[in-house]
Amino acid sequence: MAGNGNIVTALDIGSAFIRVIVCERDEDGILKIMGTGVRPSTGLRKGVIVNIEATLKAIVAAIEDAEMMSGIEILDCWTGIGGNHINGFNSKGVVGVSSKKKDTREISQEDLDRVHEAAKAVVIPTDKQILEVIPQNYKVDDQKGIRNPLDMMGVRLECEVHIITCTVTGAQNLIKCVNRAGFRVNELILHTLAAGRAVLTQDEIELGVTVIDLGGGTTDVLVYVDGTPYSTYTIPAGGTQVTNDISIIKNVSIENAEKIKIEAGCCWDDLLDDDETVIVPGVGGRPPMSIPRSQVLTIIKPRMEEIFKMIKNHLDTLNLPRPLGGGVVITGGGAQLTGVVELANSILKLPARLGYPLPVQELGGLVEEYRTPSYATVIGLAMEGDRRASLGAEHSSEMKKNDKKSAALIDRLKEWLREEFS
């Protein structure tokens, strides 16, 4: 199966887990999940690689698991990137429409490419690189709010874009890890863009929505307005900090604190029963003890409140052209904490829901095992990677057609020259 163009592999390198899924496109053009691999991630801190060897080993193990399950040899992958080094901002470009025909000013793909280049011609720090340039809307002369101005008539073309940057070293280390593991990175894709691809409906995107990816080391936020990304924001706190709080306050190991968080964690008082208890393992041979579950809540809730208040402060600073009618969609491993939707609703004052990978026509094999917020990013990476691969194939096909046309034109010119001067 090596080199099969129908194979799409996604690699999500998170601070808590590394996840891989392998998909194969069937005769009907539907991607089917054939295999998965999951391994704990110990080489990242706040989304940034701090131990290449540990990350490398986890990547190899996760991909080998996916190969074993699917029976497919993996050669390349669409890889997610996120973390505290990601930044986003909006920019604008303006160009004059080039006139290729007499007395016409028809906007061509070349004009779109030029206005995109103008929009991203901004000064960024030397340690940063552009990860994504996403067009938001266009303005042709005095006509605003245009989604696609191709083939329209006009003299002046403006474009507003959302630019996402990452550190050069952050991207290089990620690619280096994957390459050293023996695989090729097709492209780096922002985690929240991928998660949004998997969990958002088109109505939510058009109305305006905030995607909150509650990861292990960071909480990544992406705000959509009028159908396109408007703001990218990262909070350097996530599920790992909650686990650390439990470990410190209750004097238990990180492993036991994580177990307590998963099995008994809650951040909304009304969801607890008064008589619920939690068994806290003893340390150093001491016997385990039983404590009210409400004590665990008093540890977890302040940290989760802090995260959502930071998101609220960020949203309040945005000059949004319209309210976020699509509300908030919470995904990632931390989204499975009991009460997280209720807490988000209370603090953000927006309708909230959990972000599960949606059943979509173009993706099959999505069994219940994968229909969880934890798998949202890696499933979105596969869907977005497949979309970009298809666009690349179309562009390559168009280039070949143009090359053939050019070759035919040159052949005719040579024939004419031979006839004229022979």
Protein backbone atom coordinates (compact mmCIF):
# COMPACT_ATOMS: atom_id res chain seq x y z
CA MET A 1 0.00 0.00 0.00
CA ALA A 2 3.06 2.26 0.18
CA GLY A 3 2.68 5.46 -1.79
CA ASN A 4 -1.05 4.96 -2.29
CA GLY A 5 -2.63 8.35 -3.02
CA ASN A 6 -5.89 7.15 -1.44
CA ILE A 7 -4.28 6.98 2.02
CA VAL A 8 -4.55 9.95 4.39
CA THR A 9 -2.69 9.88 7.72
CA ALA A 10 -3.14 12.48 10.47
CA LEU A 11 -0.76 13.01 13.40
CA ASP A 12 -1.82 15.01 16.45
CA ILE A 13 1.17 15.72 18.72
CA GLY A 14 -0.33 17.01 21.96
CA SER A 15 1.09 17.78 25.38
CA ALA A 16 -0.77 14.83 26.95
CA PHE A 17 -1.19 12.31 24.12
CA ILE A 18 0.03 11.63 20.59
CA ARG A 19 -2.76 10.35 18.33
CA VAL A 20 -2.62 8.95 14.81
CA ILE A 21 -5.41 7.91 12.45
CA VAL A 22 -5.04 6.28 9.05
CA CYS A 23 -7.84 6.72 6.52
CA GLU A 24 -8.37 5.18 3.10
CA ARG A 25 -10.58 6.65 0.38
CA ASP A 26 -12.99 4.09 -1.05
CA GLU A 27 -14.53 3.88 -4.53
CA ASP A 28 -17.27 6.34 -3.52
CA GLY A 29 -14.70 8.95 -2.45
CA ILE A 30 -15.44 8.49 1.27
CA LEU A 31 -12.56 8.47 3.74
CA LYS A 32 -12.78 5.49 6.08
CA ILE A 33 -10.83 5.25 9.32
CA MET A 34 -8.76 2.08 9.03
CA GLY A 35 -6.51 2.31 12.07
CA THR A 36 -5.53 4.43 15.06
CA GLY A 37 -2.65 4.73 17.48
CA VAL A 38 -2.46 6.54 20.83
CA ARG A 39 0.54 6.95 23.12
CA PRO A 40 1.22 9.20 26.16
CA SER A 41 3.20 12.33 25.32
CA THR A 42 6.02 13.26 27.71
CA GLY A 43 8.26 15.37 25.48
CA LEU A 44 6.11 18.50 25.21
CA ARG A 45 5.41 21.36 27.57
CA LYS A 46 2.64 23.85 26.79
CA GLY A 47 2.49 22.55 23.22
CA VAL A 48 6.21 23.02 22.54
CA ILE A 49 8.69 20.15 22.17
CA VAL A 50 11.22 20.15 25.02
CA ASN A 51 12.49 16.57 24.62
CA ILE A 52 12.97 15.43 21.02
CA GLU A 53 13.92 11.84 21.89
CA ALA A 54 10.86 11.25 24.09
CA THR A 55 8.57 12.78 21.45
CA LEU A 56 10.26 10.76 18.69
CA LYS A 57 9.72 7.46 20.51
CA ALA A 58 6.05 8.25 21.19
CA ILE A 59 5.46 9.20 17.52
CA VAL A 60 7.06 5.97 16.28
CA ALA A 61 5.06 3.85 18.74
CA ALA A 62 1.73 5.54 17.89
CA ILE A 63 2.30 5.23 14.13
CA GLU A 64 3.37 1.58 14.45
CA ASP A 65 0.14 0.90 16.35
CA ALA A 66 -1.87 2.52 13.55
CA GLU A 67 0.04 0.54 10.90
CA MET A 68 -0.53 -2.71 12.77
CA MET A 69 -4.27 -2.05 13.13
CA SER A 70 -4.81 -0.89 9.53
CA GLY A 71 -2.31 -3.09 7.66
CA ILE A 72 -1.23 0.04 5.79
CA GLU A 73 2.34 1.30 5.56
CA ILE A 74 2.53 4.98 6.55
CA LEU A 75 4.94 7.19 4.63
CA ASP A 76 3.69 10.71 5.26
CA CYS A 77 1.22 12.56 7.47
CA TRP A 78 -0.68 15.79 7.98
CA THR A 79 0.63 17.08 11.30
CA GLY A 80 -1.09 19.37 13.80
CA ILE A 81 0.63 22.28 15.49
CA GLY A 82 -0.53 24.34 18.46
CA GLY A 83 0.69 25.69 21.76
CA ASN A 84 1.78 28.86 23.44
CA HIS A 85 3.91 30.01 20.49
CA ILE A 86 0.93 30.42 18.14
CA ASN A 87 -0.31 33.96 17.43
CA GLY A 88 -2.93 35.38 15.13
CA PHE A 89 -3.75 38.85 13.78
CA ASN A 90 -5.75 40.46 10.99
CA SER A 91 -4.29 42.33 8.05
CA LYS A 92 -5.41 44.03 4.85
CA GLY A 93 -4.02 44.24 1.32
CA VAL A 94 -4.92 46.50 -1.63
CA VAL A 95 -3.96 46.15 -5.31
CA GLY A 96 -5.08 47.52 -8.63
CA VAL A 97 -6.78 45.01 -10.93
CA SER A 98 -4.49 44.17 -13.85
CA SER A 99 -5.97 44.61 -17.31
CA LYS A 100 -5.12 41.77 -19.69
CA LYS A 101 -7.81 42.62 -22.20
CA LYS A 102 -8.55 45.96 -23.78
CA ASP A 103 -11.20 47.97 -21.92
CA THR A 104 -11.83 45.20 -19.34
CA ARG A 105 -10.88 44.92 -15.68
CA GLU A 106 -11.79 41.34 -14.87
CA ILE A 107 -10.38 39.98 -11.61
CA SER A 108 -8.18 36.96 -12.24
CA GLN A 109 -6.47 34.40 -10.02
CA GLU A 110 -3.30 36.38 -10.50
CA ASP A 111 -5.00 39.43 -8.94
CA LEU A 112 -6.13 37.30 -5.98
CA ASP A 113 -2.59 36.01 -5.50
CA ARG A 114 -1.21 39.56 -5.60
CA VAL A 115 -3.70 40.92 -3.05
CA HIS A 116 -2.97 37.99 -0.72
CA GLU A 117 0.75 38.74 -0.99
CA ALA A 118 0.05 42.40 -0.25
CA ALA A 119 -2.01 41.48 2.82
CA LYS A 120 0.72 39.30 4.29
CA ALA A 121 3.48 41.81 3.60
CA VAL A 122 3.70 42.72 7.29
CA VAL A 123 6.61 42.91 9.66
CA ILE A 124 6.85 39.88 11.93
CA PRO A 125 9.62 39.06 14.44
CA THR A 126 12.63 37.19 13.02
CA ASP A 127 11.92 34.19 15.26
CA LYS A 128 8.39 33.84 13.81
CA GLN A 129 7.08 32.41 10.54
CA ILE A 130 3.68 32.55 8.83
CA LEU A 131 1.72 29.32 9.27
CA GLU A 132 -1.61 30.23 7.65
CA VAL A 133 -3.02 33.14 5.63
CA ILE A 134 -6.81 32.82 5.56
CA PRO A 135 -8.86 35.27 3.42
CA GLN A 136 -11.85 36.69 5.33
CA ASN A 137 -13.59 38.88 2.77
CA TYR A 138 -12.92 41.09 -0.24
CA LYS A 139 -13.89 44.57 -1.39
CA VAL A 140 -14.12 45.42 -5.07
CA ASP A 141 -14.12 49.20 -5.58
CA ASP A 142 -16.94 50.30 -3.20
CA GLN A 143 -18.64 46.90 -2.90
CA LYS A 144 -17.90 45.24 0.47
CA GLY A 145 -18.41 41.78 1.95
CA ILE A 146 -17.54 39.74 -1.15
CA ARG A 147 -16.57 36.12 -0.50
CA ASN A 148 -15.12 35.31 -3.93
CA PRO A 149 -14.39 38.16 -6.36
CA LEU A 150 -12.96 35.92 -9.12
CA ASP A 151 -14.14 37.03 -12.61
CA MET A 152 -15.86 40.15 -11.22
CA MET A 153 -15.23 43.50 -12.86
CA GLY A 154 -13.41 46.20 -10.93
CA VAL A 155 -10.46 48.56 -10.69
CA ARG A 156 -9.42 48.28 -7.04
CA LEU A 157 -9.28 45.01 -5.07
CA GLU A 158 -8.98 44.83 -1.27
CA CYS A 159 -8.68 41.76 0.91
CA GLU A 160 -8.85 41.24 4.67
CA VAL A 161 -7.00 38.17 5.93
CA HIS A 162 -6.31 36.39 9.21
CA ILE A 163 -2.62 35.59 9.58
CA ILE A 164 -1.48 32.86 11.98
CA THR A 165 2.18 32.68 12.98
CA CYS A 166 4.32 30.24 14.95
CA THR A 167 7.92 30.24 16.11
CA VAL A 168 10.46 29.03 13.56
CA THR A 169 12.08 26.67 16.07
CA GLY A 170 8.70 25.30 17.20
CA ALA A 171 7.81 24.32 13.62
CA GLN A 172 11.30 23.04 12.83
CA ASN A 173 11.47 20.82 15.92
CA LEU A 174 8.06 19.35 15.12
CA ILE A 175 9.07 18.54 11.54
CA LYS A 176 12.44 17.23 12.72
CA CYS A 177 10.78 14.77 15.13
CA VAL A 178 8.48 13.40 12.43
CA ASN A 179 11.30 13.18 9.87
CA ARG A 180 13.61 11.39 12.31
CA ALA A 181 10.81 8.95 13.02
CA GLY A 182 10.98 8.06 9.33
CA PHE A 183 7.94 9.94 8.01
CA ARG A 184 7.36 13.04 5.88
CA VAL A 185 5.26 16.01 7.00
CA ASN A 186 2.89 17.01 4.20
CA GLU A 187 1.96 20.25 5.95
CA LEU A 188 1.56 21.72 9.43
CA ILE A 189 -2.08 22.52 10.25
CA LEU A 190 -3.24 24.56 13.24
CA HIS A 191 -4.90 22.37 15.89
CA THR A 192 -7.95 24.58 16.36
CA LEU A 193 -8.54 24.87 12.60
CA ALA A 194 -8.55 21.08 12.41
CA ALA A 195 -10.78 20.70 15.47
CA GLY A 196 -13.24 23.22 14.04
CA ARG A 197 -13.31 21.25 10.78
CA ALA A 198 -14.46 18.17 12.72
CA VAL A 199 -16.90 19.60 15.28
CA LEU A 200 -18.53 22.74 13.83
CA THR A 201 -21.65 22.94 11.70
CA GLN A 202 -21.75 25.37 8.78
CA ASP A 203 -24.54 27.33 10.52
CA GLU A 204 -22.34 27.87 13.59
CA ILE A 205 -19.44 29.06 11.44
CA GLU A 206 -21.66 31.54 9.56
CA LEU A 207 -23.31 32.87 12.75
CA GLY A 208 -19.97 33.25 14.55
CA VAL A 209 -18.61 30.74 17.05
CA THR A 210 -15.71 30.21 19.45
CA VAL A 211 -13.84 26.90 19.41
CA ILE A 212 -12.13 26.12 22.73
CA ASP A 213 -9.65 23.25 22.62
CA LEU A 214 -8.96 22.23 26.22
CA GLY A 215 -5.65 20.42 25.88
CA GLY A 216 -3.14 19.13 28.39
CA GLY A 217 -0.61 21.97 28.42
CA THR A 218 -2.58 24.78 26.78
CA THR A 219 -6.10 25.92 25.95
CA ASP A 220 -6.33 27.04 22.32
CA VAL A 221 -9.08 29.39 21.18
CA LEU A 222 -10.25 30.18 17.65
CA VAL A 223 -13.04 32.68 16.98
CA TYR A 224 -15.02 32.52 13.73
CA VAL A 225 -16.92 35.57 12.49
CA ASP A 226 -19.03 35.62 9.31
CA GLY A 227 -17.75 32.24 8.20
CA THR A 228 -14.00 32.75 8.59
CA PRO A 229 -11.38 32.78 11.40
CA TYR A 230 -11.18 36.16 13.11
CA SER A 231 -9.01 35.63 16.20
CA THR A 232 -6.48 33.04 17.39
CA TYR A 233 -5.51 32.93 21.06
CA THR A 234 -3.66 30.53 23.38
CA ILE A 235 -3.83 30.27 27.17
CA PRO A 236 -0.79 28.59 28.81
CA ALA A 237 -2.94 26.41 31.07
CA GLY A 238 -4.91 23.21 30.57
CA GLY A 239 -5.69 19.81 31.99
CA THR A 240 -2.12 19.24 33.22
CA GLN A 241 -2.41 22.19 35.59
CA VAL A 242 -5.63 20.74 37.03
CA THR A 243 -3.87 17.43 37.63
CA ASN A 244 -0.92 19.19 39.28
CA ASP A 245 -3.29 21.07 41.61
CA ILE A 246 -4.85 17.81 42.80
CA SER A 247 -1.42 16.22 43.23
CA ILE A 248 -0.07 19.09 45.34
CA ILE A 249 -3.12 19.71 47.53
CA LYS A 250 -3.92 16.03 48.19
CA ASN A 251 -0.29 14.82 48.32
CA VAL A 252 -0.74 12.11 45.70
CA SER A 253 1.33 11.14 42.68
CA ILE A 254 0.65 12.70 39.27
CA GLU A 255 -0.66 9.32 38.05
CA ASN A 256 -3.15 9.05 40.91
CA ALA A 257 -4.14 12.71 40.58
CA GLU A 258 -4.91 12.15 36.90
CA LYS A 259 -7.01 9.10 37.80
CA ILE A 260 -8.95 11.11 40.39
CA LYS A 261 -9.55 13.92 37.86
CA ILE A 262 -10.84 11.53 35.19
CA GLU A 263 -13.01 9.36 37.46
CA ALA A 264 -14.30 11.90 39.97
CA GLY A 265 -13.47 15.35 38.60
CA CYS A 266 -16.25 17.94 38.41
CA CYS A 267 -16.33 21.73 38.12
CA TRP A 268 -20.05 22.48 38.61
CA ASP A 269 -21.59 22.21 42.08
CA ASP A 270 -25.13 21.34 41.01
CA LEU A 271 -23.94 18.10 39.39
CA LEU A 272 -22.68 16.63 42.70
CA ASP A 273 -24.59 14.54 45.21
CA ASP A 274 -23.98 15.41 48.87
CA ASP A 275 -22.94 11.91 49.84
CA GLU A 276 -20.52 11.16 46.97
CA THR A 277 -17.00 10.17 48.04
CA VAL A 278 -13.63 9.61 46.37
CA ILE A 279 -10.90 7.15 47.38
CA VAL A 280 -7.51 8.92 47.59
CA PRO A 281 -4.57 6.44 47.45
CA GLY A 282 -2.13 6.56 50.34
CA VAL A 283 1.56 7.48 49.97
CA GLY A 284 4.51 5.59 51.43
CA GLY A 285 2.52 2.59 52.56
CA ARG A 286 -0.18 4.64 54.26
CA PRO A 287 -3.74 3.33 53.80
CA PRO A 288 -6.04 5.03 51.25
CA MET A 289 -8.67 7.38 52.59
CA SER A 290 -12.14 8.43 51.51
CA ILE A 291 -12.95 12.14 51.01
CA PRO A 292 -16.10 13.93 49.80
CA ARG A 293 -16.12 14.45 46.04
CA SER A 294 -16.91 18.10 46.76
CA GLN A 295 -13.31 18.51 47.98
CA VAL A 296 -12.05 17.55 44.52
CA LEU A 297 -14.43 20.12 43.04
CA THR A 298 -12.98 22.88 45.25
CA ILE A 299 -9.56 22.09 43.73
CA ILE A 300 -10.62 21.80 40.09
CA LYS A 301 -13.22 24.54 39.80
CA PRO A 302 -10.94 27.56 40.55
CA ARG A 303 -8.47 26.51 37.86
CA MET A 304 -11.20 25.97 35.27
CA GLU A 305 -12.79 29.30 36.23
CA GLU A 306 -9.43 30.98 35.69
CA ILE A 307 -9.14 29.51 32.19
CA PHE A 308 -12.66 30.55 31.15
CA LYS A 309 -12.24 34.03 32.66
CA MET A 310 -9.09 34.52 30.57
CA ILE A 311 -11.07 33.50 27.48
CA LYS A 312 -13.85 35.92 28.47
CA ASN A 313 -11.33 38.75 28.85
CA HIS A 314 -9.94 38.01 25.40
CA LEU A 315 -13.39 37.93 23.77
CA ASP A 316 -14.24 41.24 25.46
CA THR A 317 -11.21 42.89 23.83
CA LEU A 318 -12.32 41.90 20.32
CA ASN A 319 -14.23 44.46 18.32
CA LEU A 320 -16.63 41.90 16.89
CA PRO A 321 -18.89 43.14 14.09
CA ARG A 322 -21.75 40.97 15.39
CA PRO A 323 -22.54 38.75 18.42
CA LEU A 324 -21.37 35.13 18.34
CA GLY A 325 -24.69 33.55 17.43
CA GLY A 326 -23.12 30.08 17.26
CA GLY A 327 -21.99 30.28 20.88
CA VAL A 328 -19.09 28.20 22.18
CA VAL A 329 -17.98 24.68 21.24
CA ILE A 330 -15.59 23.00 23.70
CA THR A 331 -13.40 20.14 22.55
CA GLY A 332 -10.15 18.40 23.47
CA GLY A 333 -9.45 15.98 26.32
CA GLY A 334 -10.35 18.54 29.00
CA ALA A 335 -13.84 18.91 27.52
CA GLN A 336 -14.79 15.57 29.07
CA LEU A 337 -14.53 16.99 32.60
CA THR A 338 -17.99 16.90 34.19
CA GLY A 339 -19.58 20.36 34.39
CA VAL A 340 -17.30 22.08 31.89
CA VAL A 341 -20.21 23.13 29.62
CA GLU A 342 -22.22 24.56 32.51
CA LEU A 343 -19.19 26.50 33.81
CA ALA A 344 -18.38 27.89 30.36
CA ASN A 345 -22.00 28.94 29.86
CA SER A 346 -22.01 30.74 33.20
CA ILE A 347 -18.75 32.66 32.70
CA LEU A 348 -18.78 33.37 28.96
CA LYS A 349 -22.52 34.20 28.86
CA LEU A 350 -22.82 32.27 25.61
CA PRO A 351 -24.59 29.00 24.77
CA ALA A 352 -22.05 26.18 25.01
CA ARG A 353 -21.87 22.56 23.90
CA LEU A 354 -19.32 19.76 23.75
CA GLY A 355 -17.46 19.37 20.46
CA TYR A 356 -17.82 15.79 19.25
CA PRO A 357 -16.64 14.86 15.73
CA LEU A 358 -19.76 15.26 13.62
CA PRO A 359 -21.06 12.46 11.40
CA VAL A 360 -20.25 13.79 7.92
CA GLN A 361 -20.77 12.31 4.50
CA GLU A 362 -17.09 12.41 3.51
CA LEU A 363 -15.83 10.41 6.52
CA GLY A 364 -16.69 6.78 7.34
CA GLY A 365 -15.57 4.31 9.97
CA LEU A 366 -16.32 6.86 12.70
CA VAL A 367 -17.34 4.38 15.37
CA GLU A 368 -18.32 5.47 18.87
CA GLU A 369 -14.78 4.85 20.12
CA TYR A 370 -13.58 7.85 18.10
CA ARG A 371 -16.66 10.05 18.54
CA THR A 372 -15.19 11.89 21.53
CA PRO A 373 -13.74 15.40 22.00
CA SER A 374 -10.29 13.81 22.46
CA TYR A 375 -10.30 12.65 18.83
CA ALA A 376 -11.68 15.87 17.36
CA THR A 377 -8.33 17.37 16.38
CA VAL A 378 -6.80 14.27 14.76
CA ILE A 379 -10.03 13.53 12.83
CA GLY A 380 -10.15 17.17 11.70
CA LEU A 381 -6.51 16.91 10.59
CA ALA A 382 -7.40 13.96 8.35
CA MET A 383 -10.40 15.79 6.87
CA GLU A 384 -8.49 19.03 6.30
CA GLY A 385 -5.44 17.15 4.96
CA ASP A 386 -7.62 15.31 2.47
CA ARG A 387 -9.18 18.60 1.35
CA ARG A 388 -5.78 20.21 0.83
CA ALA A 389 -4.46 17.15 -0.99
CA SER A 390 -7.46 17.31 -3.36
CA LEU A 391 -6.85 21.01 -4.01
CA GLY A 392 -3.19 20.28 -4.68
CA ALA A 393 -4.10 17.52 -7.12
CA GLU A 394 -6.51 19.86 -8.96
CA HIS A 395 -3.82 22.56 -9.13
CA SER A 396 -1.27 20.04 -10.41
CA SER A 397 -3.72 18.82 -13.06
CA GLU A 398 -4.40 22.41 -14.15
CA MET A 399 -0.66 23.11 -14.35
CA LYS A 400 -0.17 20.03 -16.55
CA LYS A 401 -2.99 21.20 -18.86
CA ASN A 402 -1.38 24.63 -19.13
CA ASP A 403 2.01 23.03 -19.80
CA LYS A 404 0.47 20.95 -22.60
CA LYS A 405 -1.19 24.04 -24.08
CA SER A 406 2.12 25.93 -23.94
CA ALA A 407 3.97 23.02 -25.53
CA ALA A 408 1.37 22.81 -28.33
CA LEU A 409 1.64 26.57 -28.94
CA ILE A 410 5.43 26.35 -29.14
CA ASP A 411 5.18 23.40 -31.57
CA ARG A 412 2.83 25.41 -33.81
CA LEU A 413 5.18 28.40 -33.68
CA LYS A 414 8.15 26.20 -34.62
CA GLU A 415 6.15 24.73 -37.51
CA TRP A 416 5.25 28.22 -38.74
CA LEU A 417 8.87 29.38 -38.55
CA ARG A 418 10.02 26.34 -40.54
CA GLU A 419 7.41 26.98 -43.23
CA GLU A 420 8.20 30.71 -43.45
CA PHE A 421 12.00 30.51 -43.53
CA SER A 422 12.70 27.12 -45.09
